[in-house]
Amino acid sequence: MKSHFRQGFWSGMILPVLIFAALVGFLTFAVRDADASTDAKQMEFLSQALRKAVVSCYAIEGRYPSNVQYLEERYGVIIDHGKYRVEYHIFASNIMPMILIYSR
């Protein structure tokens, strides 16, 4: 009688365990997808902020800034250096610099 009880118990537990595992998997996927979407939007906002500051600097000062630190100090751009790496390549003071942003 005990083995029949055990077999019934485990067969009755399979469906709830599978449903629970599927829910955990779905929630994990949803959270990761939301995080990736948020990171992409934050990078886009940072890119826009940097480009606006660069253009503002050129309009106000008549030249593009020589580095990103200049934008942070004088134009209020805030970069989370622990989260993003910004490459700023300037060719001449009158040519728009190339700005690349990478997630760390």
PDB file of N, CA and C in Angstrom:
ATOM      1  N   MET A   1       0.815  -1.185   0.000  1.00  0.00           N
ATOM      2  CA  MET A   1       0.000   0.000   0.000  1.00  0.00           C
ATOM      3  C   MET A   1       0.863   1.255   0.000  1.00  0.00           C
ATOM      4  N   LYS A   2       1.992   1.203   0.697  1.00  0.00           N
ATOM      5  CA  LYS A   2       2.851   2.368   0.726  1.00  0.00           C
ATOM      6  C   LYS A   2       3.387   2.700  -0.653  1.00  0.00           C
ATOM      7  N   SER A   3       3.793   1.725  -1.455  1.00  0.00           N
ATOM      8  CA  SER A   3       4.349   2.003  -2.778  1.00  0.00           C
ATOM      9  C   SER A   3       3.283   2.607  -3.684  1.00  0.00           C
ATOM     10  N   HIS A   4       2.036   2.204  -3.554  1.00  0.00           N
ATOM     11  CA  HIS A   4       0.958   2.795  -4.349  1.00  0.00           C
ATOM     12  C   HIS A   4       0.770   4.269  -3.962  1.00  0.00           C
ATOM     13  N   PHE A   5       0.874   4.571  -2.661  1.00  0.00           N
ATOM     14  CA  PHE A   5       0.760   5.956  -2.186  1.00  0.00           C
ATOM     15  C   PHE A   5       1.898   6.802  -2.746  1.00  0.00           C
ATOM     16  N   ARG A   6       3.122   6.269  -2.685  1.00  0.00           N
ATOM     17  CA  ARG A   6       4.278   6.999  -3.208  1.00  0.00           C
ATOM     18  C   ARG A   6       4.131   7.261  -4.694  1.00  0.00           C
ATOM     19  N   GLN A   7       3.750   6.250  -5.437  1.00  0.00           N
ATOM     20  CA  GLN A   7       3.602   6.405  -6.884  1.00  0.00           C
ATOM     21  C   GLN A   7       2.526   7.445  -7.189  1.00  0.00           C
ATOM     22  N   GLY A   8       1.427   7.457  -6.494  1.00  0.00           N
ATOM     23  CA  GLY A   8       0.369   8.442  -6.692  1.00  0.00           C
ATOM     24  C   GLY A   8       0.808   9.839  -6.304  1.00  0.00           C
ATOM     25  N   PHE A   9       1.595   9.919  -5.228  1.00  0.00           N
ATOM     26  CA  PHE A   9       2.097  11.214  -4.772  1.00  0.00           C
ATOM     27  C   PHE A   9       2.993  11.833  -5.824  1.00  0.00           C
ATOM     28  N   TRP A  10       3.965  11.067  -6.340  1.00  0.00           N
ATOM     29  CA  TRP A  10       4.909  11.609  -7.328  1.00  0.00           C
ATOM     30  C   TRP A  10       4.231  11.904  -8.656  1.00  0.00           C
ATOM     31  N   SER A  11       3.328  11.072  -9.084  1.00  0.00           N
ATOM     32  CA  SER A  11       2.641  11.355 -10.345  1.00  0.00           C
ATOM     33  C   SER A  11       1.730  12.575 -10.198  1.00  0.00           C
ATOM     34  N   GLY A  12       1.222  12.825  -9.008  1.00  0.00           N
ATOM     35  CA  GLY A  12       0.405  14.005  -8.762  1.00  0.00           C
ATOM     36  C   GLY A  12       1.238  15.275  -8.624  1.00  0.00           C
ATOM     37  N   MET A  13       2.525  15.129  -8.364  1.00  0.00           N
ATOM     38  CA  MET A  13       3.413  16.289  -8.195  1.00  0.00           C
ATOM     39  C   MET A  13       4.087  16.720  -9.493  1.00  0.00           C
ATOM     40  N   ILE A  14       4.095  15.887 -10.492  1.00  0.00           N
ATOM     41  CA  ILE A  14       4.809  16.196 -11.732  1.00  0.00           C
ATOM     42  C   ILE A  14       4.255  17.448 -12.407  1.00  0.00           C
ATOM     43  N   LEU A  15       2.968  17.528 -12.580  1.00  0.00           N
ATOM     44  CA  LEU A  15       2.370  18.675 -13.276  1.00  0.00           C
ATOM     45  C   LEU A  15       2.596  19.987 -12.529  1.00  0.00           C
ATOM     46  N   PRO A  16       2.360  20.071 -11.223  1.00  0.00           N
ATOM     47  CA  PRO A  16       2.646  21.327 -10.521  1.00  0.00           C
ATOM     48  C   PRO A  16       4.130  21.729 -10.580  1.00  0.00           C
ATOM     49  N   VAL A  17       5.031  20.765 -10.479  1.00  0.00           N
ATOM     50  CA  VAL A  17       6.463  21.067 -10.553  1.00  0.00           C
ATOM     51  C   VAL A  17       6.814  21.582 -11.943  1.00  0.00           C
ATOM     52  N   LEU A  18       6.275  20.976 -12.982  1.00  0.00           N
ATOM     53  CA  LEU A  18       6.527  21.441 -14.354  1.00  0.00           C
ATOM     54  C   LEU A  18       5.967  22.841 -14.576  1.00  0.00           C
ATOM     55  N   ILE A  19       4.804  23.109 -14.068  1.00  0.00           N
ATOM     56  CA  ILE A  19       4.212  24.446 -14.201  1.00  0.00           C
ATOM     57  C   ILE A  19       5.060  25.476 -13.458  1.00  0.00           C
ATOM     58  N   PHE A  20       5.494  25.140 -12.260  1.00  0.00           N
ATOM     59  CA  PHE A  20       6.343  26.039 -11.483  1.00  0.00           C
ATOM     60  C   PHE A  20       7.656  26.316 -12.227  1.00  0.00           C
ATOM     61  N   ALA A  21       8.282  25.270 -12.763  1.00  0.00           N
ATOM     62  CA  ALA A  21       9.549  25.433 -13.496  1.00  0.00           C
ATOM     63  C   ALA A  21       9.340  26.311 -14.736  1.00  0.00           C
ATOM     64  N   ALA A  22       8.218  26.126 -15.426  1.00  0.00           N
ATOM     65  CA  ALA A  22       7.930  26.941 -16.605  1.00  0.00           C
ATOM     66  C   ALA A  22       7.735  28.407 -16.218  1.00  0.00           C
ATOM     67  N   LEU A  23       7.054  28.663 -15.114  1.00  0.00           N
ATOM     68  CA  LEU A  23       6.854  30.047 -14.649  1.00  0.00           C
ATOM     69  C   LEU A  23       8.178  30.703 -14.262  1.00  0.00           C
ATOM     70  N   VAL A  24       9.031  29.960 -13.564  1.00  0.00           N
ATOM     71  CA  VAL A  24      10.336  30.494 -13.183  1.00  0.00           C
ATOM     72  C   VAL A  24      11.155  30.803 -14.440  1.00  0.00           C
ATOM     73  N   GLY A  25      11.129  29.908 -15.407  1.00  0.00           N
ATOM     74  CA  GLY A  25      11.844  30.140 -16.663  1.00  0.00           C
ATOM     75  C   GLY A  25      11.310  31.354 -17.402  1.00  0.00           C
ATOM     76  N   PHE A  26      10.003  31.502 -17.466  1.00  0.00           N
ATOM     77  CA  PHE A  26       9.394  32.643 -18.140  1.00  0.00           C
ATOM     78  C   PHE A  26       9.757  33.952 -17.447  1.00  0.00           C
ATOM     79  N   LEU A  27       9.669  33.971 -16.122  1.00  0.00           N
ATOM     80  CA  LEU A  27      10.002  35.191 -15.375  1.00  0.00           C
ATOM     81  C   LEU A  27      11.475  35.562 -15.529  1.00  0.00           C
ATOM     82  N   THR A  28      12.351  34.573 -15.523  1.00  0.00           N
ATOM     83  CA  THR A  28      13.777  34.828 -15.719  1.00  0.00           C
ATOM     84  C   THR A  28      14.025  35.434 -17.088  1.00  0.00           C
ATOM     85  N   PHE A  29      13.394  34.881 -18.121  1.00  0.00           N
ATOM     86  CA  PHE A  29      13.530  35.408 -19.474  1.00  0.00           C
ATOM     87  C   PHE A  29      12.976  36.830 -19.561  1.00  0.00           C
ATOM     88  N   ALA A  30      11.844  37.080 -18.941  1.00  0.00           N
ATOM     89  CA  ALA A  30      11.216  38.403 -18.998  1.00  0.00           C
ATOM     90  C   ALA A  30      12.090  39.452 -18.317  1.00  0.00           C
ATOM     91  N   VAL A  31      12.673  39.117 -17.179  1.00  0.00           N
ATOM     92  CA  VAL A  31      13.538  40.062 -16.466  1.00  0.00           C
ATOM     93  C   VAL A  31      14.794  40.345 -17.279  1.00  0.00           C
ATOM     94  N   ARG A  32      15.397  39.327 -17.847  1.00  0.00           N
ATOM     95  CA  ARG A  32      16.603  39.531 -18.679  1.00  0.00           C
ATOM     96  C   ARG A  32      16.278  40.382 -19.894  1.00  0.00           C
ATOM     97  N   ASP A  33      15.142  40.138 -20.513  1.00  0.00           N
ATOM     98  CA  ASP A  33      14.745  40.914 -21.686  1.00  0.00           C
ATOM     99  C   ASP A  33      14.507  42.381 -21.307  1.00  0.00           C
ATOM    100  N   ALA A  34      13.884  42.618 -20.165  1.00  0.00           N
ATOM    101  CA  ALA A  34      13.642  43.987 -19.701  1.00  0.00           C
ATOM    102  C   ALA A  34      14.960  44.689 -19.391  1.00  0.00           C
ATOM    103  N   ASP A  35      15.904  43.975 -18.774  1.00  0.00           N
ATOM    104  CA  ASP A  35      17.218  44.552 -18.477  1.00  0.00           C
ATOM    105  C   ASP A  35      17.948  44.934 -19.757  1.00  0.00           C
ATOM    106  N   ALA A  36      17.915  44.064 -20.753  1.00  0.00           N
ATOM    107  CA  ALA A  36      18.588  44.348 -22.026  1.00  0.00           C
ATOM    108  C   ALA A  36      17.961  45.547 -22.714  1.00  0.00           C
ATOM    109  N   SER A  37      16.653  45.639 -22.662  1.00  0.00           N
ATOM    110  CA  SER A  37      15.957  46.773 -23.271  1.00  0.00           C
ATOM    111  C   SER A  37      16.306  48.074 -22.562  1.00  0.00           C
ATOM    112  N   THR A  38      16.358  48.033 -21.241  1.00  0.00           N
ATOM    113  CA  THR A  38      16.709  49.220 -20.458  1.00  0.00           C
ATOM    114  C   THR A  38      18.139  49.652 -20.753  1.00  0.00           C
ATOM    115  N   ASP A  39      19.074  48.695 -20.823  1.00  0.00           N
ATOM    116  CA  ASP A  39      20.464  49.021 -21.130  1.00  0.00           C
ATOM    117  C   ASP A  39      20.596  49.664 -22.503  1.00  0.00           C
ATOM    118  N   ALA A  40      19.882  49.136 -23.479  1.00  0.00           N
ATOM    119  CA  ALA A  40      19.941  49.698 -24.834  1.00  0.00           C
ATOM    120  C   ALA A  40      19.404  51.126 -24.846  1.00  0.00           C
ATOM    121  N   LYS A  41      18.330  51.376 -24.110  1.00  0.00           N
ATOM    122  CA  LYS A  41      17.763  52.729 -24.053  1.00  0.00           C
ATOM    123  C   LYS A  41      18.705  53.688 -23.340  1.00  0.00           C
ATOM    124  N   GLN A  42      19.346  53.231 -22.267  1.00  0.00           N
ATOM    125  CA  GLN A  42      20.294  54.082 -21.543  1.00  0.00           C
ATOM    126  C   GLN A  42      21.479  54.436 -22.431  1.00  0.00           C
ATOM    127  N   MET A  43      21.966  53.482 -23.213  1.00  0.00           N
ATOM    128  CA  MET A  43      23.061  53.771 -24.128  1.00  0.00           C
ATOM    129  C   MET A  43      22.627  54.771 -25.194  1.00  0.00           C
ATOM    130  N   GLU A  44      21.416  54.653 -25.676  1.00  0.00           N
ATOM    131  CA  GLU A  44      20.907  55.591 -26.677  1.00  0.00           C
ATOM    132  C   GLU A  44      20.771  56.992 -26.081  1.00  0.00           C
ATOM    133  N   PHE A  45      20.272  57.089 -24.861  1.00  0.00           N
ATOM    134  CA  PHE A  45      20.156  58.393 -24.200  1.00  0.00           C
ATOM    135  C   PHE A  45      21.532  59.026 -23.986  1.00  0.00           C
ATOM    136  N   LEU A  46      22.503  58.214 -23.582  1.00  0.00           N
ATOM    137  CA  LEU A  46      23.861  58.718 -23.393  1.00  0.00           C
ATOM    138  C   LEU A  46      24.431  59.205 -24.721  1.00  0.00           C
ATOM    139  N   SER A  47      24.215  58.446 -25.769  1.00  0.00           N
ATOM    140  CA  SER A  47      24.696  58.843 -27.093  1.00  0.00           C
ATOM    141  C   SER A  47      24.079  60.174 -27.518  1.00  0.00           C
ATOM    142  N   GLN A  48      22.785  60.318 -27.328  1.00  0.00           N
ATOM    143  CA  GLN A  48      22.104  61.573 -27.678  1.00  0.00           C
ATOM    144  C   GLN A  48      22.623  62.729 -26.839  1.00  0.00           C
ATOM    145  N   ALA A  49      22.824  62.503 -25.542  1.00  0.00           N
ATOM    146  CA  ALA A  49      23.315  63.567 -24.665  1.00  0.00           C
ATOM    147  C   ALA A  49      24.714  64.011 -25.078  1.00  0.00           C
ATOM    148  N   LEU A  50      25.565  63.053 -25.411  1.00  0.00           N
ATOM    149  CA  LEU A  50      26.917  63.399 -25.842  1.00  0.00           C
ATOM    150  C   LEU A  50      26.893  64.187 -27.148  1.00  0.00           C
ATOM    151  N   ARG A  51      26.089  63.746 -28.103  1.00  0.00           N
ATOM    152  CA  ARG A  51      26.031  64.443 -29.392  1.00  0.00           C
ATOM    153  C   ARG A  51      25.456  65.859 -29.238  1.00  0.00           C
ATOM    154  N   LYS A  52      24.437  66.008 -28.414  1.00  0.00           N
ATOM    155  CA  LYS A  52      23.876  67.350 -28.178  1.00  0.00           C
ATOM    156  C   LYS A  52      24.897  68.253 -27.513  1.00  0.00           C
ATOM    157  N   ALA A  53      25.649  67.727 -26.557  1.00  0.00           N
ATOM    158  CA  ALA A  53      26.668  68.527 -25.883  1.00  0.00           C
ATOM    159  C   ALA A  53      27.787  68.910 -26.845  1.00  0.00           C
ATOM    160  N   VAL A  54      28.168  68.001 -27.711  1.00  0.00           N
ATOM    161  CA  VAL A  54      29.220  68.284 -28.704  1.00  0.00           C
ATOM    162  C   VAL A  54      28.775  69.392 -29.639  1.00  0.00           C
ATOM    163  N   VAL A  55      27.538  69.295 -30.122  1.00  0.00           N
ATOM    164  CA  VAL A  55      27.012  70.310 -31.031  1.00  0.00           C
ATOM    165  C   VAL A  55      26.847  71.646 -30.307  1.00  0.00           C
ATOM    166  N   SER A  56      26.388  71.617 -29.071  1.00  0.00           N
ATOM    167  CA  SER A  56      26.261  72.848 -28.289  1.00  0.00           C
ATOM    168  C   SER A  56      27.617  73.514 -28.093  1.00  0.00           C
ATOM    169  N   CYS A  57      28.613  72.711 -27.790  1.00  0.00           N
ATOM    170  CA  CYS A  57      29.966  73.239 -27.608  1.00  0.00           C
ATOM    171  C   CYS A  57      30.442  73.909 -28.899  1.00  0.00           C
ATOM    172  N   TYR A  58      30.200  73.269 -30.016  1.00  0.00           N
ATOM    173  CA  TYR A  58      30.632  73.849 -31.300  1.00  0.00           C
ATOM    174  C   TYR A  58      29.889  75.150 -31.581  1.00  0.00           C
ATOM    175  N   ALA A  59      28.596  75.167 -31.282  1.00  0.00           N
ATOM    176  CA  ALA A  59      27.796  76.375 -31.534  1.00  0.00           C
ATOM    177  C   ALA A  59      28.223  77.525 -30.618  1.00  0.00           C
ATOM    178  N   ILE A  60      28.549  77.219 -29.381  1.00  0.00           N
ATOM    179  CA  ILE A  60      28.904  78.257 -28.414  1.00  0.00           C
ATOM    180  C   ILE A  60      30.363  78.692 -28.554  1.00  0.00           C
ATOM    181  N   GLU A  61      31.262  77.717 -28.687  1.00  0.00           N
ATOM    182  CA  GLU A  61      32.692  78.013 -28.647  1.00  0.00           C
ATOM    183  C   GLU A  61      33.365  78.050 -30.014  1.00  0.00           C
ATOM    184  N   GLY A  62      32.666  77.572 -31.046  1.00  0.00           N
ATOM    185  CA  GLY A  62      33.244  77.584 -32.393  1.00  0.00           C
ATOM    186  C   GLY A  62      34.205  76.440 -32.662  1.00  0.00           C
ATOM    187  N   ARG A  63      34.245  75.478 -31.784  1.00  0.00           N
ATOM    188  CA  ARG A  63      35.101  74.306 -31.969  1.00  0.00           C
ATOM    189  C   ARG A  63      34.492  73.130 -31.216  1.00  0.00           C
ATOM    190  N   TYR A  64      34.843  71.929 -31.655  1.00  0.00           N
ATOM    191  CA  TYR A  64      34.396  70.739 -30.955  1.00  0.00           C
ATOM    192  C   TYR A  64      35.304  70.502 -29.751  1.00  0.00           C
ATOM    193  N   PRO A  65      34.772  69.937 -28.671  1.00  0.00           N
ATOM    194  CA  PRO A  65      35.596  69.710 -27.481  1.00  0.00           C
ATOM    195  C   PRO A  65      36.705  68.696 -27.765  1.00  0.00           C
ATOM    196  N   SER A  66      37.807  68.845 -27.062  1.00  0.00           N
ATOM    197  CA  SER A  66      38.961  67.972 -27.304  1.00  0.00           C
ATOM    198  C   SER A  66      38.810  66.592 -26.663  1.00  0.00           C
ATOM    199  N   ASN A  67      37.941  66.473 -25.635  1.00  0.00           N
ATOM    200  CA  ASN A  67      37.749  65.171 -24.993  1.00  0.00           C
ATOM    201  C   ASN A  67      36.407  65.132 -24.251  1.00  0.00           C
ATOM    202  N   VAL A  68      36.065  63.963 -23.781  1.00  0.00           N
ATOM    203  CA  VAL A  68      34.793  63.754 -23.085  1.00  0.00           C
ATOM    204  C   VAL A  68      34.782  64.450 -21.727  1.00  0.00           C
ATOM    205  N   GLN A  69      35.919  64.501 -21.060  1.00  0.00           N
ATOM    206  CA  GLN A  69      35.989  65.148 -19.755  1.00  0.00           C
ATOM    207  C   GLN A  69      35.571  66.616 -19.850  1.00  0.00           C
ATOM    208  N   TYR A  70      35.904  67.245 -20.962  1.00  0.00           N
ATOM    209  CA  TYR A  70      35.512  68.639 -21.191  1.00  0.00           C
ATOM    210  C   TYR A  70      33.986  68.759 -21.180  1.00  0.00           C
ATOM    211  N   LEU A  71      33.318  67.809 -21.822  1.00  0.00           N
ATOM    212  CA  LEU A  71      31.843  67.809 -21.853  1.00  0.00           C
ATOM    213  C   LEU A  71      31.268  67.554 -20.462  1.00  0.00           C
ATOM    214  N   GLU A  72      31.900  66.678 -19.710  1.00  0.00           N
ATOM    215  CA  GLU A  72      31.420  66.386 -18.364  1.00  0.00           C
ATOM    216  C   GLU A  72      31.577  67.602 -17.457  1.00  0.00           C
ATOM    217  N   GLU A  73      32.701  68.280 -17.574  1.00  0.00           N
ATOM    218  CA  GLU A  73      32.973  69.421 -16.695  1.00  0.00           C
ATOM    219  C   GLU A  73      32.160  70.664 -17.056  1.00  0.00           C
ATOM    220  N   ARG A  74      32.021  70.945 -18.340  1.00  0.00           N
ATOM    221  CA  ARG A  74      31.428  72.221 -18.748  1.00  0.00           C
ATOM    222  C   ARG A  74      30.008  72.139 -19.302  1.00  0.00           C
ATOM    223  N   TYR A  75      29.566  70.949 -19.715  1.00  0.00           N
ATOM    224  CA  TYR A  75      28.245  70.834 -20.328  1.00  0.00           C
ATOM    225  C   TYR A  75      27.315  69.875 -19.586  1.00  0.00           C
ATOM    226  N   GLY A  76      27.732  69.422 -18.413  1.00  0.00           N
ATOM    227  CA  GLY A  76      26.848  68.643 -17.550  1.00  0.00           C
ATOM    228  C   GLY A  76      26.538  67.233 -18.003  1.00  0.00           C
ATOM    229  N   VAL A  77      27.329  66.694 -18.912  1.00  0.00           N
ATOM    230  CA  VAL A  77      27.110  65.311 -19.337  1.00  0.00           C
ATOM    231  C   VAL A  77      27.551  64.396 -18.200  1.00  0.00           C
ATOM    232  N   ILE A  78      26.702  63.432 -17.868  1.00  0.00           N
ATOM    233  CA  ILE A  78      27.010  62.484 -16.796  1.00  0.00           C
ATOM    234  C   ILE A  78      27.162  61.099 -17.421  1.00  0.00           C
ATOM    235  N   ILE A  79      28.330  60.515 -17.213  1.00  0.00           N
ATOM    236  CA  ILE A  79      28.621  59.187 -17.758  1.00  0.00           C
ATOM    237  C   ILE A  79      28.927  58.256 -16.598  1.00  0.00           C
ATOM    238  N   ASP A  80      28.255  57.123 -16.573  1.00  0.00           N
ATOM    239  CA  ASP A  80      28.553  56.086 -15.583  1.00  0.00           C
ATOM    240  C   ASP A  80      29.729  55.276 -16.127  1.00  0.00           C
ATOM    241  N   HIS A  81      30.941  55.675 -15.739  1.00  0.00           N
ATOM    242  CA  HIS A  81      32.144  55.044 -16.278  1.00  0.00           C
ATOM    243  C   HIS A  81      32.291  53.588 -15.838  1.00  0.00           C
ATOM    244  N   GLY A  82      31.611  53.207 -14.792  1.00  0.00           N
ATOM    245  CA  GLY A  82      31.621  51.809 -14.380  1.00  0.00           C
ATOM    246  C   GLY A  82      30.760  50.944 -15.283  1.00  0.00           C
ATOM    247  N   LYS A  83      29.804  51.556 -15.954  1.00  0.00           N
ATOM    248  CA  LYS A  83      28.867  50.829 -16.804  1.00  0.00           C
ATOM    249  C   LYS A  83      29.172  50.977 -18.293  1.00  0.00           C
ATOM    250  N   TYR A  84      29.726  52.131 -18.678  1.00  0.00           N
ATOM    251  CA  TYR A  84      29.980  52.408 -20.093  1.00  0.00           C
ATOM    252  C   TYR A  84      31.413  52.857 -20.324  1.00  0.00           C
ATOM    253  N   ARG A  85      31.917  52.499 -21.482  1.00  0.00           N
ATOM    254  CA  ARG A  85      33.223  52.989 -21.935  1.00  0.00           C
ATOM    255  C   ARG A  85      32.945  53.843 -23.164  1.00  0.00           C
ATOM    256  N   VAL A  86      33.410  55.081 -23.119  1.00  0.00           N
ATOM    257  CA  VAL A  86      33.173  56.014 -24.212  1.00  0.00           C
ATOM    258  C   VAL A  86      34.492  56.273 -24.926  1.00  0.00           C
ATOM    259  N   GLU A  87      34.490  56.022 -26.230  1.00  0.00           N
ATOM    260  CA  GLU A  87      35.648  56.363 -27.061  1.00  0.00           C
ATOM    261  C   GLU A  87      35.294  57.623 -27.827  1.00  0.00           C
ATOM    262  N   TYR A  88      36.182  58.596 -27.758  1.00  0.00           N
ATOM    263  CA  TYR A  88      35.944  59.901 -28.368  1.00  0.00           C
ATOM    264  C   TYR A  88      37.144  60.192 -29.265  1.00  0.00           C
ATOM    265  N   HIS A  89      36.906  60.207 -30.567  1.00  0.00           N
ATOM    266  CA  HIS A  89      37.977  60.433 -31.533  1.00  0.00           C
ATOM    267  C   HIS A  89      37.728  61.747 -32.261  1.00  0.00           C
ATOM    268  N   ILE A  90      38.642  62.693 -32.060  1.00  0.00           N
ATOM    269  CA  ILE A  90      38.515  63.982 -32.725  1.00  0.00           C
ATOM    270  C   ILE A  90      39.656  64.114 -33.742  1.00  0.00           C
ATOM    271  N   PHE A  91      39.304  64.577 -34.940  1.00  0.00           N
ATOM    272  CA  PHE A  91      40.287  64.706 -36.016  1.00  0.00           C
ATOM    273  C   PHE A  91      40.770  66.150 -36.139  1.00  0.00           C
ATOM    274  N   ALA A  92      39.850  67.079 -35.967  1.00  0.00           N
ATOM    275  CA  ALA A  92      40.169  68.502 -36.036  1.00  0.00           C
ATOM    276  C   ALA A  92      39.085  69.239 -35.259  1.00  0.00           C
ATOM    277  N   SER A  93      39.379  70.455 -34.840  1.00  0.00           N
ATOM    278  CA  SER A  93      38.426  71.185 -34.006  1.00  0.00           C
ATOM    279  C   SER A  93      37.171  71.611 -34.766  1.00  0.00           C
ATOM    280  N   ASN A  94      37.194  71.504 -36.104  1.00  0.00           N
ATOM    281  CA  ASN A  94      36.021  71.894 -36.887  1.00  0.00           C
ATOM    282  C   ASN A  94      35.345  70.700 -37.571  1.00  0.00           C
ATOM    283  N   ILE A  95      35.728  69.484 -37.207  1.00  0.00           N
ATOM    284  CA  ILE A  95      35.112  68.267 -37.763  1.00  0.00           C
ATOM    285  C   ILE A  95      34.462  67.502 -36.617  1.00  0.00           C
ATOM    286  N   MET A  96      33.215  67.117 -36.829  1.00  0.00           N
ATOM    287  CA  MET A  96      32.458  66.394 -35.796  1.00  0.00           C
ATOM    288  C   MET A  96      33.219  65.148 -35.352  1.00  0.00           C
ATOM    289  N   PRO A  97      33.449  65.011 -34.061  1.00  0.00           N
ATOM    290  CA  PRO A  97      34.180  63.833 -33.570  1.00  0.00           C
ATOM    291  C   PRO A  97      33.353  62.557 -33.678  1.00  0.00           C
ATOM    292  N   MET A  98      34.051  61.430 -33.672  1.00  0.00           N
ATOM    293  CA  MET A  98      33.382  60.129 -33.685  1.00  0.00           C
ATOM    294  C   MET A  98      33.262  59.683 -32.228  1.00  0.00           C
ATOM    295  N   ILE A  99      32.039  59.343 -31.814  1.00  0.00           N
ATOM    296  CA  ILE A  99      31.787  58.933 -30.440  1.00  0.00           C
ATOM    297  C   ILE A  99      31.258  57.495 -30.455  1.00  0.00           C
ATOM    298  N   LEU A 100      31.953  56.612 -29.762  1.00  0.00           N
ATOM    299  CA  LEU A 100      31.538  55.224 -29.651  1.00  0.00           C
ATOM    300  C   LEU A 100      31.301  54.898 -28.191  1.00  0.00           C
ATOM    301  N   ILE A 101      30.203  54.202 -27.912  1.00  0.00           N
ATOM    302  CA  ILE A 101      29.851  53.854 -26.535  1.00  0.00           C
ATOM    303  C   ILE A 101      29.750  52.331 -26.454  1.00  0.00           C
ATOM    304  N   TYR A 102      30.416  51.777 -25.456  1.00  0.00           N
ATOM    305  CA  TYR A 102      30.395  50.332 -25.220  1.00  0.00           C
ATOM    306  C   TYR A 102      29.920  50.061 -23.807  1.00  0.00           C
ATOM    307  N   SER A 103      29.175  49.003 -23.672  1.00  0.00           N
ATOM    308  CA  SER A 103      28.746  48.560 -22.350  1.00  0.00           C
ATOM    309  C   SER A 103      29.861  47.723 -21.749  1.00  0.00           C
ATOM    310  N   ARG A 104      30.135  47.942 -20.466  1.00  0.00           N
ATOM    311  CA  ARG A 104      31.191  47.163 -19.793  1.00  0.00           C
ATOM    312  C   ARG A 104      30.645  45.855 -19.291  1.00  0.00           C
TER     313      ARG A 104
END
